[in-house]
PDB file of N, CA and C in Angstrom:
ATOM      1  N   UNK A   1      74.086 247.770  95.145  1.00  0.00           N
ATOM      2  CA  UNK A   1      73.590 247.743  96.670  1.00  0.00           C
ATOM      3  C   UNK A   1      73.529 246.235  97.113  1.00  0.00           C
ATOM      4  N   UNK A   2      74.205 246.062  97.955  1.00  0.00           N
ATOM      5  CA  UNK A   2      74.105 244.704  98.752  1.00  0.00           C
ATOM      6  C   UNK A   2      72.913 244.704  99.556  1.00  0.00           C
ATOM      7  N   UNK A   3      72.122 243.411  98.773  1.00  0.00           N
ATOM      8  CA  UNK A   3      70.936 243.065  99.628  1.00  0.00           C
ATOM      9  C   UNK A   3      70.947 242.142 100.647  1.00  0.00           C
ATOM     10  N   UNK A   4      71.685 241.085 100.655  1.00  0.00           N
ATOM     11  CA  UNK A   4      72.064 240.322 101.943  1.00  0.00           C
ATOM     12  C   UNK A   4      73.317 239.563 101.928  1.00  0.00           C
ATOM     13  N   UNK A   5      73.855 238.984 102.981  1.00  0.00           N
ATOM     14  CA  UNK A   5      75.225 238.385 103.405  1.00  0.00           C
ATOM     15  C   UNK A   5      75.011 237.072 103.771  1.00  0.00           C
ATOM     16  N   UNK A   6      75.380 235.976 103.177  1.00  0.00           N
ATOM     17  CA  UNK A   6      75.108 234.636 103.884  1.00  0.00           C
ATOM     18  C   UNK A   6      76.523 233.788 103.886  1.00  0.00           C
ATOM     19  N   UNK A   7      76.873 233.172 104.917  1.00  0.00           N
ATOM     20  CA  UNK A   7      77.751 232.356 105.213  1.00  0.00           C
ATOM     21  C   UNK A   7      76.991 230.886 105.497  1.00  0.00           C
ATOM     22  N   UNK A   8      77.426 229.802 104.600  1.00  0.00           N
ATOM     23  CA  UNK A   8      76.660 228.671 104.289  1.00  0.00           C
ATOM     24  C   UNK A   8      77.625 227.531 104.438  1.00  0.00           C
ATOM     25  N   UNK A   9      77.447 226.407 105.109  1.00  0.00           N
ATOM     26  CA  UNK A   9      78.442 225.268 105.145  1.00  0.00           C
ATOM     27  C   UNK A   9      77.797 224.607 104.115  1.00  0.00           C
ATOM     28  N   UNK A  10      78.895 223.334 103.657  1.00  0.00           N
ATOM     29  CA  UNK A  10      78.509 222.371 102.714  1.00  0.00           C
ATOM     30  C   UNK A  10      77.258 221.487 102.613  1.00  0.00           C
ATOM     31  N   UNK A  11      76.740 221.474 103.827  1.00  0.00           N
ATOM     32  CA  UNK A  11      75.525 220.635 104.371  1.00  0.00           C
ATOM     33  C   UNK A  11      74.226 221.658 104.018  1.00  0.00           C
ATOM     34  N   UNK A  12      74.466 222.910 103.604  1.00  0.00           N
ATOM     35  CA  UNK A  12      73.301 223.804 103.400  1.00  0.00           C
ATOM     36  C   UNK A  12      72.963 224.286 104.519  1.00  0.00           C
ATOM     37  N   UNK A  13      73.583 224.378 105.749  1.00  0.00           N
ATOM     38  CA  UNK A  13      73.097 225.116 106.913  1.00  0.00           C
ATOM     39  C   UNK A  13      73.534 226.477 106.881  1.00  0.00           C
ATOM     40  N   UNK A  14      72.665 227.549 107.071  1.00  0.00           N
ATOM     41  CA  UNK A  14      73.183 228.783 107.176  1.00  0.00           C
ATOM     42  C   UNK A  14      73.787 228.964 108.444  1.00  0.00           C
ATOM     43  N   UNK A  15      74.999 229.543 108.417  1.00  0.00           N
ATOM     44  CA  UNK A  15      75.666 229.831 109.696  1.00  0.00           C
ATOM     45  C   UNK A  15      75.613 231.252 110.056  1.00  0.00           C
ATOM     46  N   UNK A  16      75.524 232.183 109.352  1.00  0.00           N
ATOM     47  CA  UNK A  16      75.530 233.831 109.298  1.00  0.00           C
ATOM     48  C   UNK A  16      74.633 234.238 108.281  1.00  0.00           C
ATOM     49  N   UNK A  17      73.660 235.250 108.607  1.00  0.00           N
ATOM     50  CA  UNK A  17      72.943 235.861 107.590  1.00  0.00           C
ATOM     51  C   UNK A  17      72.782 237.455 107.921  1.00  0.00           C
ATOM     52  N   UNK A  18      72.867 238.071 107.185  1.00  0.00           N
ATOM     53  CA  UNK A  18      72.528 239.766 107.165  1.00  0.00           C
ATOM     54  C   UNK A  18      71.817 240.047 106.259  1.00  0.00           C
ATOM     55  N   UNK A  19      70.623 240.757 106.522  1.00  0.00           N
ATOM     56  CA  UNK A  19      69.674 241.385 105.399  1.00  0.00           C
ATOM     57  C   UNK A  19      69.881 242.920 105.459  1.00  0.00           C
ATOM     58  N   UNK A  20      70.134 243.593 104.368  1.00  0.00           N
ATOM     59  CA  UNK A  20      70.083 245.121 104.359  1.00  0.00           C
ATOM     60  C   UNK A  20      68.889 245.721 103.894  1.00  0.00           C
ATOM     61  N   UNK A  21      68.058 244.842 103.586  1.00  0.00           N
ATOM     62  CA  UNK A  21      66.546 245.188 103.308  1.00  0.00           C
ATOM     63  C   UNK A  21      65.642 244.454 103.929  1.00  0.00           C
ATOM     64  N   UNK A  22      64.513 245.001 104.386  1.00  0.00           N
ATOM     65  CA  UNK A  22      63.687 244.098 105.051  1.00  0.00           C
ATOM     66  C   UNK A  22      62.841 242.892 104.388  1.00  0.00           C
ATOM     67  N   UNK A  23      63.200 241.848 104.849  1.00  0.00           N
ATOM     68  CA  UNK A  23      62.533 240.531 104.336  1.00  0.00           C
ATOM     69  C   UNK A  23      61.864 239.694 105.557  1.00  0.00           C
ATOM     70  N   UNK A  24      60.673 239.539 105.164  1.00  0.00           N
ATOM     71  CA  UNK A  24      59.902 238.654 106.321  1.00  0.00           C
ATOM     72  C   UNK A  24      60.475 237.367 106.530  1.00  0.00           C
ATOM     73  N   UNK A  25      60.708 236.799 107.916  1.00  0.00           N
ATOM     74  CA  UNK A  25      61.228 235.566 108.279  1.00  0.00           C
ATOM     75  C   UNK A  25      61.085 234.696 107.626  1.00  0.00           C
ATOM     76  N   UNK A  26      59.876 234.383 107.349  1.00  0.00           N
ATOM     77  CA  UNK A  26      59.280 233.112 106.475  1.00  0.00           C
ATOM     78  C   UNK A  26      59.875 233.066 104.787  1.00  0.00           C
ATOM     79  N   UNK A  27      59.848 234.348 104.525  1.00  0.00           N
ATOM     80  CA  UNK A  27      60.589 234.403 102.928  1.00  0.00           C
ATOM     81  C   UNK A  27      61.972 234.420 102.993  1.00  0.00           C
ATOM     82  N   UNK A  28      62.595 234.886 104.354  1.00  0.00           N
ATOM     83  CA  UNK A  28      64.076 234.474 104.161  1.00  0.00           C
ATOM     84  C   UNK A  28      64.409 233.151 104.285  1.00  0.00           C
ATOM     85  N   UNK A  29      63.659 232.189 104.985  1.00  0.00           N
ATOM     86  CA  UNK A  29      63.790 230.901 104.854  1.00  0.00           C
ATOM     87  C   UNK A  29      63.817 230.172 103.634  1.00  0.00           C
ATOM     88  N   UNK A  30      62.612 230.788 102.787  1.00  0.00           N
ATOM     89  CA  UNK A  30      62.598 230.126 101.471  1.00  0.00           C
ATOM     90  C   UNK A  30      63.873 230.698 100.513  1.00  0.00           C
ATOM     91  N   UNK A  31      64.065 231.854 100.687  1.00  0.00           N
ATOM     92  CA  UNK A  31      65.103 232.613  99.850  1.00  0.00           C
ATOM     93  C   UNK A  31      66.276 232.083 100.071  1.00  0.00           C
ATOM     94  N   UNK A  32      66.773 231.769 101.334  1.00  0.00           N
ATOM     95  CA  UNK A  32      67.896 231.053 101.513  1.00  0.00           C
ATOM     96  C   UNK A  32      68.141 229.790 101.232  1.00  0.00           C
ATOM     97  N   UNK A  33      67.236 228.902 101.233  1.00  0.00           N
ATOM     98  CA  UNK A  33      67.053 227.460 100.649  1.00  0.00           C
ATOM     99  C   UNK A  33      67.209 227.592  99.243  1.00  0.00           C
ATOM    100  N   UNK A  34      66.564 228.387  98.525  1.00  0.00           N
ATOM    101  CA  UNK A  34      66.969 228.638  97.135  1.00  0.00           C
ATOM    102  C   UNK A  34      68.210 228.978  96.615  1.00  0.00           C
ATOM    103  N   UNK A  35      68.707 230.096  97.305  1.00  0.00           N
ATOM    104  CA  UNK A  35      70.153 230.421  97.132  1.00  0.00           C
ATOM    105  C   UNK A  35      71.219 229.271  97.422  1.00  0.00           C
ATOM    106  N   UNK A  36      71.006 228.636  98.634  1.00  0.00           N
ATOM    107  CA  UNK A  36      71.853 227.691  98.894  1.00  0.00           C
ATOM    108  C   UNK A  36      71.857 226.518  98.085  1.00  0.00           C
ATOM    109  N   UNK A  37      70.715 226.058  97.403  1.00  0.00           N
ATOM    110  CA  UNK A  37      70.505 225.117  96.314  1.00  0.00           C
ATOM    111  C   UNK A  37      71.127 225.614  95.120  1.00  0.00           C
ATOM    112  N   UNK A  38      70.887 226.905  94.756  1.00  0.00           N
ATOM    113  CA  UNK A  38      71.680 227.077  93.450  1.00  0.00           C
ATOM    114  C   UNK A  38      73.393 227.107  93.535  1.00  0.00           C
ATOM    115  N   UNK A  39      73.845 227.400  94.718  1.00  0.00           N
ATOM    116  CA  UNK A  39      75.350 227.892  94.755  1.00  0.00           C
ATOM    117  C   UNK A  39      76.112 226.587  95.095  1.00  0.00           C
ATOM    118  N   UNK A  40      75.171 225.285  95.873  1.00  0.00           N
ATOM    119  CA  UNK A  40      75.738 224.301  96.126  1.00  0.00           C
ATOM    120  C   UNK A  40      75.935 223.409  94.926  1.00  0.00           C
ATOM    121  N   UNK A  41      75.058 223.319  94.062  1.00  0.00           N
ATOM    122  CA  UNK A  41      74.703 222.382  92.862  1.00  0.00           C
ATOM    123  C   UNK A  41      75.795 222.873  91.793  1.00  0.00           C
ATOM    124  N   UNK A  42      76.465 223.989  91.902  1.00  0.00           N
ATOM    125  CA  UNK A  42      77.283 224.238  91.016  1.00  0.00           C
ATOM    126  C   UNK A  42      78.650 223.601  91.105  1.00  0.00           C
ATOM    127  N   UNK A  43      79.420 223.501  89.919  1.00  0.00           N
ATOM    128  CA  UNK A  43      80.628 222.895  90.103  1.00  0.00           C
ATOM    129  C   UNK A  43      81.904 224.029  90.250  1.00  0.00           C
ATOM    130  N   UNK A  44      82.875 223.677  90.564  1.00  0.00           N
ATOM    131  CA  UNK A  44      84.056 224.628  90.849  1.00  0.00           C
ATOM    132  C   UNK A  44      84.443 225.345  89.606  1.00  0.00           C
ATOM    133  N   UNK A  45      84.148 224.855  88.407  1.00  0.00           N
ATOM    134  CA  UNK A  45      84.405 225.255  87.148  1.00  0.00           C
ATOM    135  C   UNK A  45      83.584 226.228  86.733  1.00  0.00           C
ATOM    136  N   UNK A  46      82.554 226.370  87.167  1.00  0.00           N
ATOM    137  CA  UNK A  46      81.416 227.221  86.699  1.00  0.00           C
ATOM    138  C   UNK A  46      81.719 228.840  87.433  1.00  0.00           C
ATOM    139  N   UNK A  47      81.272 229.713  86.672  1.00  0.00           N
ATOM    140  CA  UNK A  47      81.381 231.212  87.025  1.00  0.00           C
ATOM    141  C   UNK A  47      80.672 231.332  88.611  1.00  0.00           C
ATOM    142  N   UNK A  48      81.289 232.217  89.441  1.00  0.00           N
ATOM    143  CA  UNK A  48      80.804 232.575  90.812  1.00  0.00           C
ATOM    144  C   UNK A  48      79.806 233.442  90.955  1.00  0.00           C
ATOM    145  N   UNK A  49      78.998 234.026  89.527  1.00  0.00           N
ATOM    146  CA  UNK A  49      78.067 234.972  89.503  1.00  0.00           C
ATOM    147  C   UNK A  49      77.049 234.147  88.916  1.00  0.00           C
ATOM    148  N   UNK A  50      75.823 234.530  89.573  1.00  0.00           N
ATOM    149  CA  UNK A  50      74.522 233.848  89.350  1.00  0.00           C
ATOM    150  C   UNK A  50      73.290 234.877  89.138  1.00  0.00           C
ATOM    151  N   UNK A  51      72.758 234.836  87.894  1.00  0.00           N
ATOM    152  CA  UNK A  51      71.496 235.608  87.800  1.00  0.00           C
ATOM    153  C   UNK A  51      70.404 235.007  88.740  1.00  0.00           C
ATOM    154  N   UNK A  52      69.465 235.643  89.787  1.00  0.00           N
ATOM    155  CA  UNK A  52      68.695 235.055  90.381  1.00  0.00           C
ATOM    156  C   UNK A  52      67.438 236.152  90.683  1.00  0.00           C
ATOM    157  N   UNK A  53      66.370 235.655  90.071  1.00  0.00           N
ATOM    158  CA  UNK A  53      65.034 236.483  90.333  1.00  0.00           C
ATOM    159  C   UNK A  53      65.517 237.962  90.054  1.00  0.00           C
ATOM    160  N   UNK A  54      65.346 238.880  90.939  1.00  0.00           N
ATOM    161  CA  UNK A  54      65.605 240.237  90.571  1.00  0.00           C
ATOM    162  C   UNK A  54      66.782 240.729  90.910  1.00  0.00           C
ATOM    163  N   UNK A  55      67.939 240.029  91.255  1.00  0.00           N
ATOM    164  CA  UNK A  55      69.091 240.203  91.683  1.00  0.00           C
ATOM    165  C   UNK A  55      70.269 239.265  91.460  1.00  0.00           C
ATOM    166  N   UNK A  56      71.514 239.606  91.573  1.00  0.00           N
ATOM    167  CA  UNK A  56      72.470 238.559  91.255  1.00  0.00           C
ATOM    168  C   UNK A  56      73.069 237.968  92.630  1.00  0.00           C
ATOM    169  N   UNK A  57      73.761 236.807  92.408  1.00  0.00           N
ATOM    170  CA  UNK A  57      74.236 236.235  93.528  1.00  0.00           C
ATOM    171  C   UNK A  57      75.853 236.216  93.211  1.00  0.00           C
ATOM    172  N   UNK A  58      76.552 236.523  94.234  1.00  0.00           N
ATOM    173  CA  UNK A  58      78.050 236.594  93.959  1.00  0.00           C
ATOM    174  C   UNK A  58      78.537 235.545  95.193  1.00  0.00           C
ATOM    175  N   UNK A  59      79.264 234.264  94.908  1.00  0.00           N
ATOM    176  CA  UNK A  59      79.671 233.346  95.948  1.00  0.00           C
ATOM    177  C   UNK A  59      81.069 233.237  96.031  1.00  0.00           C
ATOM    178  N   UNK A  60      81.573 232.670  96.819  1.00  0.00           N
ATOM    179  CA  UNK A  60      82.811 232.137  96.907  1.00  0.00           C
ATOM    180  C   UNK A  60      83.065 231.104  97.977  1.00  0.00           C
ATOM    181  N   UNK A  61      83.677 229.995  97.600  1.00  0.00           N
ATOM    182  CA  UNK A  61      83.756 228.798  98.496  1.00  0.00           C
ATOM    183  C   UNK A  61      85.337 229.068  98.918  1.00  0.00           C
ATOM    184  N   UNK A  62      85.223 228.647 100.447  1.00  0.00           N
ATOM    185  CA  UNK A  62      86.291 228.438 101.266  1.00  0.00           C
ATOM    186  C   UNK A  62      86.370 227.206 101.986  1.00  0.00           C
ATOM    187  N   UNK A  63      87.005 226.132 101.436  1.00  0.00           N
ATOM    188  CA  UNK A  63      86.834 224.861 102.118  1.00  0.00           C
ATOM    189  C   UNK A  63      85.371 224.394 102.300  1.00  0.00           C
ATOM    190  N   UNK A  64      85.028 224.172 103.265  1.00  0.00           N
ATOM    191  CA  UNK A  64      83.509 223.619 103.560  1.00  0.00           C
ATOM    192  C   UNK A  64      82.451 224.949 103.716  1.00  0.00           C
ATOM    193  N   UNK A  65      83.045 226.255 103.614  1.00  0.00           N
ATOM    194  CA  UNK A  65      82.254 227.342 103.786  1.00  0.00           C
ATOM    195  C   UNK A  65      82.057 228.124 102.629  1.00  0.00           C
ATOM    196  N   UNK A  66      80.461 228.654 102.099  1.00  0.00           N
ATOM    197  CA  UNK A  66      80.171 229.210 101.175  1.00  0.00           C
ATOM    198  C   UNK A  66      79.999 230.624 101.652  1.00  0.00           C
ATOM    199  N   UNK A  67      80.339 231.744 101.000  1.00  0.00           N
ATOM    200  CA  UNK A  67      80.122 233.042 101.257  1.00  0.00           C
ATOM    201  C   UNK A  67      79.318 233.562 100.000  1.00  0.00           C
ATOM    202  N   UNK A  68      77.922 234.022 100.340  1.00  0.00           N
ATOM    203  CA  UNK A  68      77.042 234.400  99.327  1.00  0.00           C
ATOM    204  C   UNK A  68      76.441 235.972  99.477  1.00  0.00           C
ATOM    205  N   UNK A  69      76.575 236.710  98.553  1.00  0.00           N
ATOM    206  CA  UNK A  69      76.247 238.034  98.493  1.00  0.00           C
ATOM    207  C   UNK A  69      75.007 238.113  97.627  1.00  0.00           C
ATOM    208  N   UNK A  70      74.086 238.615  98.075  1.00  0.00           N
ATOM    209  CA  UNK A  70      72.930 239.029  97.037  1.00  0.00           C
ATOM    210  C   UNK A  70      73.176 240.599  96.807  1.00  0.00           C
ATOM    211  N   UNK A  71      73.281 240.880  95.354  1.00  0.00           N
ATOM    212  CA  UNK A  71      73.433 242.526  94.834  1.00  0.00           C
ATOM    213  C   UNK A  71      72.282 242.806  93.971  1.00  0.00           C
ATOM    214  N   UNK A  72      72.119 244.026  93.584  1.00  0.00           N
ATOM    215  CA  UNK A  72      71.203 244.530  92.779  1.00  0.00           C
ATOM    216  C   UNK A  72      72.160 244.607  91.354  1.00  0.00           C
ATOM    217  N   UNK A  73      71.338 244.940  90.290  1.00  0.00           N
ATOM    218  CA  UNK A  73      72.063 244.918  88.918  1.00  0.00           C
ATOM    219  C   UNK A  73      73.034 245.932  88.804  1.00  0.00           C
ATOM    220  N   UNK A  74      73.052 247.099  89.549  1.00  0.00           N
ATOM    221  CA  UNK A  74      74.034 248.164  89.399  1.00  0.00           C
ATOM    222  C   UNK A  74      75.350 248.007  90.091  1.00  0.00           C
ATOM    223  N   UNK A  75      75.520 246.875  91.090  1.00  0.00           N
ATOM    224  CA  UNK A  75      76.791 246.649  91.517  1.00  0.00           C
ATOM    225  C   UNK A  75      77.489 245.948  90.846  1.00  0.00           C
ATOM    226  N   UNK A  76      78.791 246.195  91.155  1.00  0.00           N
ATOM    227  CA  UNK A  76      80.065 245.552  90.256  1.00  0.00           C
ATOM    228  C   UNK A  76      80.351 244.040  91.005  1.00  0.00           C
ATOM    229  N   UNK A  77      80.179 243.136  90.155  1.00  0.00           N
ATOM    230  CA  UNK A  77      80.381 241.726  90.802  1.00  0.00           C
ATOM    231  C   UNK A  77      81.782 241.406  91.272  1.00  0.00           C
ATOM    232  N   UNK A  78      82.690 241.741  90.370  1.00  0.00           N
ATOM    233  CA  UNK A  78      84.335 241.630  90.709  1.00  0.00           C
ATOM    234  C   UNK A  78      84.380 242.505  92.009  1.00  0.00           C
ATOM    235  N   UNK A  79      83.854 243.514  92.135  1.00  0.00           N
ATOM    236  CA  UNK A  79      84.371 244.211  93.598  1.00  0.00           C
ATOM    237  C   UNK A  79      83.725 243.492  94.711  1.00  0.00           C
ATOM    238  N   UNK A  80      82.480 242.932  94.403  1.00  0.00           N
ATOM    239  CA  UNK A  80      81.891 242.197  95.645  1.00  0.00           C
ATOM    240  C   UNK A  80      82.742 240.842  95.796  1.00  0.00           C
ATOM    241  N   UNK A  81      83.096 240.272  94.868  1.00  0.00           N
ATOM    242  CA  UNK A  81      83.960 239.072  94.853  1.00  0.00           C
ATOM    243  C   UNK A  81      85.110 239.287  95.499  1.00  0.00           C
ATOM    244  N   UNK A  82      85.603 240.376  95.411  1.00  0.00           N
ATOM    245  CA  UNK A  82      86.888 240.851  96.101  1.00  0.00           C
ATOM    246  C   UNK A  82      86.602 241.139  97.602  1.00  0.00           C
ATOM    247  N   UNK A  83      85.491 241.851  97.773  1.00  0.00           N
ATOM    248  CA  UNK A  83      84.946 242.003  98.903  1.00  0.00           C
ATOM    249  C   UNK A  83      84.796 241.189  99.907  1.00  0.00           C
ATOM    250  N   UNK A  84      84.237 239.906  99.584  1.00  0.00           N
ATOM    251  CA  UNK A  84      84.168 238.570 100.111  1.00  0.00           C
ATOM    252  C   UNK A  84      85.485 238.058 100.599  1.00  0.00           C
ATOM    253  N   UNK A  85      86.377 237.955  99.426  1.00  0.00           N
ATOM    254  CA  UNK A  85      87.780 237.562  99.969  1.00  0.00           C
ATOM    255  C   UNK A  85      88.516 238.332 100.958  1.00  0.00           C
ATOM    256  N   UNK A  86      88.329 239.673 100.946  1.00  0.00           N
ATOM    257  CA  UNK A  86      89.052 240.529 102.039  1.00  0.00           C
ATOM    258  C   UNK A  86      88.284 240.215 103.493  1.00  0.00           C
ATOM    259  N   UNK A  87      86.942 240.107 103.525  1.00  0.00           N
ATOM    260  CA  UNK A  87      86.338 239.740 104.680  1.00  0.00           C
ATOM    261  C   UNK A  87      86.690 238.611 105.308  1.00  0.00           C
ATOM    262  N   UNK A  88      86.982 237.236 104.368  1.00  0.00           N
ATOM    263  CA  UNK A  88      87.300 236.264 105.060  1.00  0.00           C
ATOM    264  C   UNK A  88      88.727 236.501 105.409  1.00  0.00           C
ATOM    265  N   UNK A  89      89.627 236.992 104.837  1.00  0.00           N
ATOM    266  CA  UNK A  89      91.032 237.326 105.421  1.00  0.00           C
ATOM    267  C   UNK A  89      91.047 238.131 106.593  1.00  0.00           C
ATOM    268  N   UNK A  90      90.394 239.173 106.742  1.00  0.00           N
ATOM    269  CA  UNK A  90      90.263 239.889 108.111  1.00  0.00           C
ATOM    270  C   UNK A  90      89.589 238.644 108.849  1.00  0.00           C
ATOM    271  N   UNK A  91      88.611 238.050 108.860  1.00  0.00           N
ATOM    272  CA  UNK A  91      88.065 236.942 109.902  1.00  0.00           C
ATOM    273  C   UNK A  91      89.245 236.062 110.161  1.00  0.00           C
ATOM    274  N   UNK A  92      89.874 235.681 109.054  1.00  0.00           N
ATOM    275  CA  UNK A  92      91.078 234.527 109.451  1.00  0.00           C
ATOM    276  C   UNK A  92      92.088 235.263 110.091  1.00  0.00           C
ATOM    277  N   UNK A  93      92.488 236.403 109.945  1.00  0.00           N
ATOM    278  CA  UNK A  93      93.479 237.260 110.636  1.00  0.00           C
ATOM    279  C   UNK A  93      93.139 237.187 112.194  1.00  0.00           C
ATOM    280  N   UNK A  94      91.915 237.715 112.207  1.00  0.00           N
ATOM    281  CA  UNK A  94      91.357 238.045 113.546  1.00  0.00           C
ATOM    282  C   UNK A  94      91.239 236.915 114.541  1.00  0.00           C
ATOM    283  N   UNK A  95      90.684 235.909 114.005  1.00  0.00           N
ATOM    284  CA  UNK A  95      90.361 234.627 114.699  1.00  0.00           C
ATOM    285  C   UNK A  95      91.357 233.457 114.407  1.00  0.00           C
ATOM    286  N   UNK A  96      92.335 233.742 113.600  1.00  0.00           N
ATOM    287  CA  UNK A  96      93.417 232.831 113.199  1.00  0.00           C
ATOM    288  C   UNK A  96      92.879 231.572 112.429  1.00  0.00           C
ATOM    289  N   UNK A  97      91.689 231.037 112.616  1.00  0.00           N
ATOM    290  CA  UNK A  97      91.139 229.919 111.700  1.00  0.00           C
ATOM    291  C   UNK A  97      89.748 229.892 111.778  1.00  0.00           C
ATOM    292  N   UNK A  98      89.150 230.364 110.803  1.00  0.00           N
ATOM    293  CA  UNK A  98      87.864 230.427 110.523  1.00  0.00           C
ATOM    294  C   UNK A  98      87.191 229.082 109.958  1.00  0.00           C
ATOM    295  N   UNK A  99      86.301 228.458 110.809  1.00  0.00           N
ATOM    296  CA  UNK A  99      85.716 227.286 110.397  1.00  0.00           C
ATOM    297  C   UNK A  99      84.221 227.622 110.612  1.00  0.00           C
ATOM    298  N   UNK A 100      83.230 226.923 110.160  1.00  0.00           N
ATOM    299  CA  UNK A 100      81.829 226.758 110.367  1.00  0.00           C
ATOM    300  C   UNK A 100      81.308 226.988 111.646  1.00  0.00           C
ATOM    301  N   UNK A 101      81.830 226.201 112.712  1.00  0.00           N
ATOM    302  CA  UNK A 101      81.521 226.041 113.918  1.00  0.00           C
ATOM    303  C   UNK A 101      82.017 227.485 114.885  1.00  0.00           C
ATOM    304  N   UNK A 102      83.147 228.093 114.239  1.00  0.00           N
ATOM    305  CA  UNK A 102      83.559 229.142 114.957  1.00  0.00           C
ATOM    306  C   UNK A 102      82.578 230.492 114.800  1.00  0.00           C
ATOM    307  N   UNK A 103      81.649 230.276 113.483  1.00  0.00           N
ATOM    308  CA  UNK A 103      80.948 231.501 113.069  1.00  0.00           C
ATOM    309  C   UNK A 103      79.837 231.442 114.032  1.00  0.00           C
ATOM    310  N   UNK A 104      79.317 230.547 114.651  1.00  0.00           N
ATOM    311  CA  UNK A 104      78.189 230.433 115.420  1.00  0.00           C
ATOM    312  C   UNK A 104      78.412 231.223 116.654  1.00  0.00           C
ATOM    313  N   UNK A 105      79.713 231.212 117.206  1.00  0.00           N
ATOM    314  CA  UNK A 105      80.117 231.802 118.646  1.00  0.00           C
ATOM    315  C   UNK A 105      80.259 233.291 118.127  1.00  0.00           C
ATOM    316  N   UNK A 106      80.769 233.473 117.150  1.00  0.00           N
ATOM    317  CA  UNK A 106      81.338 234.783 116.970  1.00  0.00           C
ATOM    318  C   UNK A 106      80.551 235.966 115.986  1.00  0.00           C
ATOM    319  N   UNK A 107      79.423 235.470 115.665  1.00  0.00           N
ATOM    320  CA  UNK A 107      78.512 236.297 114.629  1.00  0.00           C
ATOM    321  C   UNK A 107      78.583 237.702 114.958  1.00  0.00           C
ATOM    322  N   UNK A 108      78.400 238.194 116.237  1.00  0.00           N
ATOM    323  CA  UNK A 108      78.431 239.395 116.450  1.00  0.00           C
ATOM    324  C   UNK A 108      79.549 240.353 115.953  1.00  0.00           C
ATOM    325  N   UNK A 109      80.789 239.731 116.470  1.00  0.00           N
ATOM    326  CA  UNK A 109      82.132 240.411 116.090  1.00  0.00           C
ATOM    327  C   UNK A 109      82.257 240.381 114.480  1.00  0.00           C
ATOM    328  N   UNK A 110      81.968 239.572 113.954  1.00  0.00           N
ATOM    329  CA  UNK A 110      82.541 239.366 112.450  1.00  0.00           C
ATOM    330  C   UNK A 110      81.420 240.128 111.721  1.00  0.00           C
ATOM    331  N   UNK A 111      80.286 240.477 111.747  1.00  0.00           N
ATOM    332  CA  UNK A 111      79.503 241.410 111.153  1.00  0.00           C
ATOM    333  C   UNK A 111      79.499 243.066 111.692  1.00  0.00           C
ATOM    334  N   UNK A 112      80.480 243.200 112.494  1.00  0.00           N
ATOM    335  CA  UNK A 112      80.797 244.766 112.897  1.00  0.00           C
ATOM    336  C   UNK A 112      81.554 245.376 111.465  1.00  0.00           C
ATOM    337  N   UNK A 113      82.198 244.329 110.838  1.00  0.00           N
ATOM    338  CA  UNK A 113      82.937 245.086 109.812  1.00  0.00           C
ATOM    339  C   UNK A 113      81.919 245.433 108.606  1.00  0.00           C
ATOM    340  N   UNK A 114      80.691 244.577 108.703  1.00  0.00           N
ATOM    341  CA  UNK A 114      79.767 244.898 107.578  1.00  0.00           C
ATOM    342  C   UNK A 114      78.761 245.871 107.686  1.00  0.00           C
ATOM    343  N   UNK A 115      78.598 246.462 109.046  1.00  0.00           N
ATOM    344  CA  UNK A 115      77.681 247.380 109.317  1.00  0.00           C
ATOM    345  C   UNK A 115      78.134 249.013 109.070  1.00  0.00           C
TER     346      UNK A 115
END
């Protein structure tokens, strides 16, 4: 099961976030900071799956944009990895060029695909 979906730029700023389980606002901030730190600190040669607390992180980098999905242990990491790629492809086709600043303006439209 997907627990959360984040889109983050290389500076560590969260551009989009969607939680599928209730998480308090102050805990979201802490969680996002730790998740971003873990993903940004990894090299491109390292695996895109990270064990983190009671769930797994699956992330993928597109230029200056990181897409991070938190999943439970029963979810298939490769399927989520492909889901990220398909989601970004749809955004790219729909908006023609997806960049970090574009996501600030289009967050409602882009997450309709995930609901």
